[in-house]
């Protein structure tokens, strides 16, 4: 969790406790992690697909890819 938080803080100007969701996937695109703030601390949602892959936008190396930003 601390590693994902460090990536968000170093690559964006957004504080982690804003309600924004930050999505991370592996190279195979069959696993996804979503750390989020739930008003009492950080929680982590994790999903592993048995078949198929997550659709993911293409990006250049070391570039942050903004998909959608929703506040809850």
PDB file of N, CA and C in Angstrom:
ATOM      1  N   UNK A   1       0.833  -1.192   0.000  1.00  0.00           N
ATOM      2  CA  UNK A   1       0.000   0.000   0.000  1.00  0.00           C
ATOM      3  C   UNK A   1       0.875   1.252   0.000  1.00  0.00           C
ATOM      4  N   UNK A   2       1.941   1.256   0.787  1.00  0.00           N
ATOM      5  CA  UNK A   2       2.808   2.436   0.833  1.00  0.00           C
ATOM      6  C   UNK A   2       3.477   2.693  -0.512  1.00  0.00           C
ATOM      7  N   UNK A   3       3.822   1.620  -1.228  1.00  0.00           N
ATOM      8  CA  UNK A   3       4.435   1.783  -2.542  1.00  0.00           C
ATOM      9  C   UNK A   3       3.484   2.416  -3.545  1.00  0.00           C
ATOM     10  N   UNK A   4       2.237   1.990  -3.533  1.00  0.00           N
ATOM     11  CA  UNK A   4       1.241   2.584  -4.430  1.00  0.00           C
ATOM     12  C   UNK A   4       0.987   4.039  -4.066  1.00  0.00           C
ATOM     13  N   UNK A   5       0.927   4.326  -2.777  1.00  0.00           N
ATOM     14  CA  UNK A   5       0.726   5.709  -2.328  1.00  0.00           C
ATOM     15  C   UNK A   5       1.887   6.589  -2.773  1.00  0.00           C
ATOM     16  N   UNK A   6       3.096   6.077  -2.684  1.00  0.00           N
ATOM     17  CA  UNK A   6       4.268   6.847  -3.111  1.00  0.00           C
ATOM     18  C   UNK A   6       4.220   7.120  -4.612  1.00  0.00           C
ATOM     19  N   UNK A   7       3.777   6.156  -5.403  1.00  0.00           N
ATOM     20  CA  UNK A   7       3.647   6.377  -6.850  1.00  0.00           C
ATOM     21  C   UNK A   7       2.650   7.479  -7.160  1.00  0.00           C
ATOM     22  N   UNK A   8       1.524   7.463  -6.486  1.00  0.00           N
ATOM     23  CA  UNK A   8       0.502   8.492  -6.714  1.00  0.00           C
ATOM     24  C   UNK A   8       1.045   9.860  -6.344  1.00  0.00           C
ATOM     25  N   UNK A   9       1.666   9.970  -5.197  1.00  0.00           N
ATOM     26  CA  UNK A   9       2.176  11.266  -4.750  1.00  0.00           C
ATOM     27  C   UNK A   9       3.286  11.780  -5.649  1.00  0.00           C
ATOM     28  N   UNK A  10       4.128  10.899  -6.186  1.00  0.00           N
ATOM     29  CA  UNK A  10       5.237  11.364  -7.021  1.00  0.00           C
ATOM     30  C   UNK A  10       4.796  11.705  -8.446  1.00  0.00           C
ATOM     31  N   UNK A  11       3.728  11.080  -8.941  1.00  0.00           N
ATOM     32  CA  UNK A  11       3.308  11.279 -10.331  1.00  0.00           C
ATOM     33  C   UNK A  11       2.140  12.237 -10.516  1.00  0.00           C
ATOM     34  N   UNK A  12       1.482  12.633  -9.428  1.00  0.00           N
ATOM     35  CA  UNK A  12       0.336  13.541  -9.535  1.00  0.00           C
ATOM     36  C   UNK A  12       0.475  14.651  -8.508  1.00  0.00           C
ATOM     37  N   UNK A  13      -0.337  15.649  -8.647  1.00  0.00           N
ATOM     38  CA  UNK A  13      -0.381  16.729  -7.658  1.00  0.00           C
ATOM     39  C   UNK A  13      -1.577  16.575  -6.729  1.00  0.00           C
ATOM     40  N   UNK A  14      -2.221  15.420  -6.772  1.00  0.00           N
ATOM     41  CA  UNK A  14      -3.416  15.205  -5.964  1.00  0.00           C
ATOM     42  C   UNK A  14      -3.076  14.540  -4.639  1.00  0.00           C
ATOM     43  N   UNK A  15      -3.648  15.032  -3.546  1.00  0.00           N
ATOM     44  CA  UNK A  15      -3.492  14.311  -2.283  1.00  0.00           C
ATOM     45  C   UNK A  15      -4.283  13.008  -2.336  1.00  0.00           C
ATOM     46  N   UNK A  16      -3.821  12.004  -1.634  1.00  0.00           N
ATOM     47  CA  UNK A  16      -4.446  10.690  -1.687  1.00  0.00           C
ATOM     48  C   UNK A  16      -5.817  10.631  -1.035  1.00  0.00           C
ATOM     49  N   UNK A  17      -6.120  11.556  -0.148  1.00  0.00           N
ATOM     50  CA  UNK A  17      -7.386  11.487   0.589  1.00  0.00           C
ATOM     51  C   UNK A  17      -8.468  12.398   0.003  1.00  0.00           C
ATOM     52  N   UNK A  18      -8.442  12.643  -1.301  1.00  0.00           N
ATOM     53  CA  UNK A  18      -9.426  13.520  -1.948  1.00  0.00           C
ATOM     54  C   UNK A  18     -10.689  12.793  -2.378  1.00  0.00           C
ATOM     55  N   UNK A  19     -10.676  11.479  -2.359  1.00  0.00           N
ATOM     56  CA  UNK A  19     -11.796  10.711  -2.880  1.00  0.00           C
ATOM     57  C   UNK A  19     -11.559  10.237  -4.303  1.00  0.00           C
ATOM     58  N   UNK A  20     -10.442  10.628  -4.900  1.00  0.00           N
ATOM     59  CA  UNK A  20     -10.104  10.169  -6.248  1.00  0.00           C
ATOM     60  C   UNK A  20      -9.684   8.705  -6.193  1.00  0.00           C
ATOM     61  N   UNK A  21      -9.918   7.998  -7.281  1.00  0.00           N
ATOM     62  CA  UNK A  21      -9.495   6.607  -7.389  1.00  0.00           C
ATOM     63  C   UNK A  21      -8.281   6.526  -8.300  1.00  0.00           C
ATOM     64  N   UNK A  22      -7.291   5.755  -7.893  1.00  0.00           N
ATOM     65  CA  UNK A  22      -6.069   5.558  -8.659  1.00  0.00           C
ATOM     66  C   UNK A  22      -5.976   4.074  -8.982  1.00  0.00           C
ATOM     67  N   UNK A  23      -5.940   3.736 -10.273  1.00  0.00           N
ATOM     68  CA  UNK A  23      -5.961   2.342 -10.697  1.00  0.00           C
ATOM     69  C   UNK A  23      -4.581   1.895 -11.136  1.00  0.00           C
ATOM     70  N   UNK A  24      -4.195   0.699 -10.707  1.00  0.00           N
ATOM     71  CA  UNK A  24      -2.912   0.107 -11.064  1.00  0.00           C
ATOM     72  C   UNK A  24      -3.165  -1.289 -11.605  1.00  0.00           C
ATOM     73  N   UNK A  25      -2.447  -1.644 -12.675  1.00  0.00           N
ATOM     74  CA  UNK A  25      -2.565  -2.989 -13.227  1.00  0.00           C
ATOM     75  C   UNK A  25      -1.174  -3.561 -13.464  1.00  0.00           C
ATOM     76  N   UNK A  26      -1.095  -4.874 -13.608  1.00  0.00           N
ATOM     77  CA  UNK A  26       0.174  -5.520 -13.911  1.00  0.00           C
ATOM     78  C   UNK A  26       0.368  -5.570 -15.429  1.00  0.00           C
ATOM     79  N   UNK A  27       1.536  -6.037 -15.868  1.00  0.00           N
ATOM     80  CA  UNK A  27       1.837  -6.066 -17.302  1.00  0.00           C
ATOM     81  C   UNK A  27       0.906  -6.985 -18.074  1.00  0.00           C
ATOM     82  N   UNK A  28       0.474  -8.072 -17.452  1.00  0.00           N
ATOM     83  CA  UNK A  28      -0.419  -9.010 -18.126  1.00  0.00           C
ATOM     84  C   UNK A  28      -1.860  -8.491 -18.187  1.00  0.00           C
ATOM     85  N   UNK A  29      -2.168  -7.439 -17.450  1.00  0.00           N
ATOM     86  CA  UNK A  29      -3.494  -6.807 -17.398  1.00  0.00           C
ATOM     87  C   UNK A  29      -4.582  -7.758 -16.878  1.00  0.00           C
ATOM     88  N   UNK A  30      -4.178  -8.717 -16.037  1.00  0.00           N
ATOM     89  CA  UNK A  30      -5.183  -9.611 -15.457  1.00  0.00           C
ATOM     90  C   UNK A  30      -5.412  -9.344 -13.970  1.00  0.00           C
ATOM     91  N   UNK A  31      -4.695  -8.371 -13.422  1.00  0.00           N
ATOM     92  CA  UNK A  31      -4.868  -7.987 -12.019  1.00  0.00           C
ATOM     93  C   UNK A  31      -4.978  -6.470 -11.933  1.00  0.00           C
ATOM     94  N   UNK A  32      -5.790  -6.008 -10.995  1.00  0.00           N
ATOM     95  CA  UNK A  32      -5.941  -4.568 -10.797  1.00  0.00           C
ATOM     96  C   UNK A  32      -5.995  -4.284  -9.302  1.00  0.00           C
ATOM     97  N   UNK A  33      -5.363  -3.175  -8.905  1.00  0.00           N
ATOM     98  CA  UNK A  33      -5.402  -2.708  -7.517  1.00  0.00           C
ATOM     99  C   UNK A  33      -5.907  -1.273  -7.513  1.00  0.00           C
ATOM    100  N   UNK A  34      -6.796  -0.981  -6.577  1.00  0.00           N
ATOM    101  CA  UNK A  34      -7.347   0.367  -6.458  1.00  0.00           C
ATOM    102  C   UNK A  34      -7.281   0.790  -4.994  1.00  0.00           C
ATOM    103  N   UNK A  35      -6.247   1.543  -4.611  1.00  0.00           N
ATOM    104  CA  UNK A  35      -6.220   2.076  -3.246  1.00  0.00           C
ATOM    105  C   UNK A  35      -7.158   3.275  -3.154  1.00  0.00           C
ATOM    106  N   UNK A  36      -7.837   3.408  -2.033  1.00  0.00           N
ATOM    107  CA  UNK A  36      -8.760   4.531  -1.863  1.00  0.00           C
ATOM    108  C   UNK A  36      -8.878   4.890  -0.392  1.00  0.00           C
ATOM    109  N   UNK A  37      -9.298   6.108  -0.142  1.00  0.00           N
ATOM    110  CA  UNK A  37      -9.489   6.634   1.207  1.00  0.00           C
ATOM    111  C   UNK A  37     -10.950   6.457   1.577  1.00  0.00           C
ATOM    112  N   UNK A  38     -11.241   5.802   2.705  1.00  0.00           N
ATOM    113  CA  UNK A  38     -12.635   5.570   3.095  1.00  0.00           C
ATOM    114  C   UNK A  38     -13.038   6.341   4.348  1.00  0.00           C
ATOM    115  N   UNK A  39     -12.440   7.492   4.568  1.00  0.00           N
ATOM    116  CA  UNK A  39     -12.714   8.418   5.672  1.00  0.00           C
ATOM    117  C   UNK A  39     -12.167   7.956   7.019  1.00  0.00           C
ATOM    118  N   UNK A  40     -11.703   6.722   7.117  1.00  0.00           N
ATOM    119  CA  UNK A  40     -11.079   6.252   8.357  1.00  0.00           C
ATOM    120  C   UNK A  40      -9.651   5.787   8.114  1.00  0.00           C
ATOM    121  N   UNK A  41      -9.252   5.720   6.861  1.00  0.00           N
ATOM    122  CA  UNK A  41      -7.917   5.261   6.496  1.00  0.00           C
ATOM    123  C   UNK A  41      -7.938   4.722   5.076  1.00  0.00           C
ATOM    124  N   UNK A  42      -6.805   4.200   4.660  1.00  0.00           N
ATOM    125  CA  UNK A  42      -6.713   3.665   3.308  1.00  0.00           C
ATOM    126  C   UNK A  42      -7.213   2.234   3.264  1.00  0.00           C
ATOM    127  N   UNK A  43      -7.877   1.903   2.165  1.00  0.00           N
ATOM    128  CA  UNK A  43      -8.334   0.546   1.893  1.00  0.00           C
ATOM    129  C   UNK A  43      -7.845   0.183   0.490  1.00  0.00           C
ATOM    130  N   UNK A  44      -7.828  -1.096   0.192  1.00  0.00           N
ATOM    131  CA  UNK A  44      -7.342  -1.554  -1.103  1.00  0.00           C
ATOM    132  C   UNK A  44      -8.343  -2.525  -1.699  1.00  0.00           C
ATOM    133  N   UNK A  45      -8.774  -2.239  -2.924  1.00  0.00           N
ATOM    134  CA  UNK A  45      -9.622  -3.159  -3.665  1.00  0.00           C
ATOM    135  C   UNK A  45      -8.731  -3.864  -4.670  1.00  0.00           C
ATOM    136  N   UNK A  46      -8.827  -5.196  -4.737  1.00  0.00           N
ATOM    137  CA  UNK A  46      -7.968  -6.005  -5.597  1.00  0.00           C
ATOM    138  C   UNK A  46      -8.826  -6.993  -6.374  1.00  0.00           C
ATOM    139  N   UNK A  47      -8.527  -7.161  -7.648  1.00  0.00           N
ATOM    140  CA  UNK A  47      -9.274  -8.100  -8.486  1.00  0.00           C
ATOM    141  C   UNK A  47      -8.304  -8.829  -9.397  1.00  0.00           C
ATOM    142  N   UNK A  48      -8.472 -10.170  -9.495  1.00  0.00           N
ATOM    143  CA  UNK A  48      -7.682 -10.990 -10.408  1.00  0.00           C
ATOM    144  C   UNK A  48      -8.642 -11.713 -11.337  1.00  0.00           C
ATOM    145  N   UNK A  49      -8.452 -11.539 -12.638  1.00  0.00           N
ATOM    146  CA  UNK A  49      -9.313 -12.189 -13.623  1.00  0.00           C
ATOM    147  C   UNK A  49      -8.802 -13.597 -13.911  1.00  0.00           C
ATOM    148  N   UNK A  50      -9.698 -14.559 -13.958  1.00  0.00           N
ATOM    149  CA  UNK A  50      -9.333 -15.929 -14.324  1.00  0.00           C
ATOM    150  C   UNK A  50      -9.110 -16.033 -15.830  1.00  0.00           C
ATOM    151  N   UNK A  51      -9.928 -15.328 -16.603  1.00  0.00           N
ATOM    152  CA  UNK A  51      -9.812 -15.294 -18.058  1.00  0.00           C
ATOM    153  C   UNK A  51      -9.902 -13.837 -18.482  1.00  0.00           C
ATOM    154  N   UNK A  52      -9.470 -13.555 -19.693  1.00  0.00           N
ATOM    155  CA  UNK A  52      -9.540 -12.200 -20.256  1.00  0.00           C
ATOM    156  C   UNK A  52      -8.547 -11.261 -19.593  1.00  0.00           C
ATOM    157  N   UNK A  53      -8.603 -10.009 -20.002  1.00  0.00           N
ATOM    158  CA  UNK A  53      -7.716  -8.971 -19.490  1.00  0.00           C
ATOM    159  C   UNK A  53      -8.510  -7.691 -19.316  1.00  0.00           C
ATOM    160  N   UNK A  54      -8.029  -6.837 -18.440  1.00  0.00           N
ATOM    161  CA  UNK A  54      -8.627  -5.517 -18.300  1.00  0.00           C
ATOM    162  C   UNK A  54      -8.258  -4.683 -19.512  1.00  0.00           C
ATOM    163  N   UNK A  55      -9.204  -3.912 -20.021  1.00  0.00           N
ATOM    164  CA  UNK A  55      -8.897  -2.960 -21.089  1.00  0.00           C
ATOM    165  C   UNK A  55      -8.205  -1.778 -20.436  1.00  0.00           C
ATOM    166  N   UNK A  56      -7.128  -1.321 -21.057  1.00  0.00           N
ATOM    167  CA  UNK A  56      -6.312  -0.285 -20.447  1.00  0.00           C
ATOM    168  C   UNK A  56      -5.820   0.654 -21.525  1.00  0.00           C
ATOM    169  N   UNK A  57      -5.869   1.966 -21.305  1.00  0.00           N
ATOM    170  CA  UNK A  57      -5.381   2.908 -22.325  1.00  0.00           C
ATOM    171  C   UNK A  57      -3.872   2.782 -22.517  1.00  0.00           C
ATOM    172  N   UNK A  58      -3.427   2.990 -23.743  1.00  0.00           N
ATOM    173  CA  UNK A  58      -1.998   2.971 -24.035  1.00  0.00           C
ATOM    174  C   UNK A  58      -1.368   4.266 -23.556  1.00  0.00           C
ATOM    175  N   UNK A  59      -0.113   4.191 -23.151  1.00  0.00           N
ATOM    176  CA  UNK A  59       0.591   5.392 -22.700  1.00  0.00           C
ATOM    177  C   UNK A  59       2.075   5.239 -22.982  1.00  0.00           C
ATOM    178  N   UNK A  60       2.771   6.346 -22.960  1.00  0.00           N
ATOM    179  CA  UNK A  60       4.216   6.327 -23.089  1.00  0.00           C
ATOM    180  C   UNK A  60       4.822   5.902 -21.758  1.00  0.00           C
ATOM    181  N   UNK A  61       6.040   5.428 -21.796  1.00  0.00           N
ATOM    182  CA  UNK A  61       6.717   4.995 -20.573  1.00  0.00           C
ATOM    183  C   UNK A  61       6.852   6.162 -19.595  1.00  0.00           C
ATOM    184  N   UNK A  62       6.597   5.900 -18.326  1.00  0.00           N
ATOM    185  CA  UNK A  62       6.707   6.880 -17.237  1.00  0.00           C
ATOM    186  C   UNK A  62       5.752   8.062 -17.394  1.00  0.00           C
ATOM    187  N   UNK A  63       4.663   7.868 -18.065  1.00  0.00           N
ATOM    188  CA  UNK A  63       3.673   8.930 -18.235  1.00  0.00           C
ATOM    189  C   UNK A  63       2.407   8.538 -17.486  1.00  0.00           C
ATOM    190  N   UNK A  64       1.867   9.475 -16.734  1.00  0.00           N
ATOM    191  CA  UNK A  64       0.612   9.228 -16.033  1.00  0.00           C
ATOM    192  C   UNK A  64      -0.521   9.272 -17.040  1.00  0.00           C
ATOM    193  N   UNK A  65      -1.410   8.326 -16.980  1.00  0.00           N
ATOM    194  CA  UNK A  65      -2.541   8.263 -17.900  1.00  0.00           C
ATOM    195  C   UNK A  65      -3.808   8.586 -17.126  1.00  0.00           C
ATOM    196  N   UNK A  66      -4.447   9.688 -17.459  1.00  0.00           N
ATOM    197  CA  UNK A  66      -5.683  10.094 -16.794  1.00  0.00           C
ATOM    198  C   UNK A  66      -6.851   9.493 -17.556  1.00  0.00           C
ATOM    199  N   UNK A  67      -7.654   8.712 -16.892  1.00  0.00           N
ATOM    200  CA  UNK A  67      -8.808   8.099 -17.541  1.00  0.00           C
ATOM    201  C   UNK A  67     -10.045   8.902 -17.182  1.00  0.00           C
ATOM    202  N   UNK A  68     -10.513   8.774 -15.991  1.00  0.00           N
ATOM    203  CA  UNK A  68     -11.637   9.547 -15.474  1.00  0.00           C
ATOM    204  C   UNK A  68     -11.360   9.864 -14.017  1.00  0.00           C
ATOM    205  N   UNK A  69     -11.837  10.978 -13.571  1.00  0.00           N
ATOM    206  CA  UNK A  69     -11.670  11.342 -12.168  1.00  0.00           C
ATOM    207  C   UNK A  69     -13.035  11.669 -11.599  1.00  0.00           C
ATOM    208  N   UNK A  70     -13.454  10.894 -10.659  1.00  0.00           N
ATOM    209  CA  UNK A  70     -14.725  11.118  -9.971  1.00  0.00           C
ATOM    210  C   UNK A  70     -14.447  11.346  -8.502  1.00  0.00           C
ATOM    211  N   UNK A  71     -15.195  12.212  -7.891  1.00  0.00           N
ATOM    212  CA  UNK A  71     -15.108  12.412  -6.446  1.00  0.00           C
ATOM    213  C   UNK A  71     -16.358  11.833  -5.823  1.00  0.00           C
ATOM    214  N   UNK A  72     -16.179  11.123  -4.743  1.00  0.00           N
ATOM    215  CA  UNK A  72     -17.303  10.510  -4.039  1.00  0.00           C
ATOM    216  C   UNK A  72     -17.617  11.273  -2.785  1.00  0.00           C
TER     217      UNK A  72
END
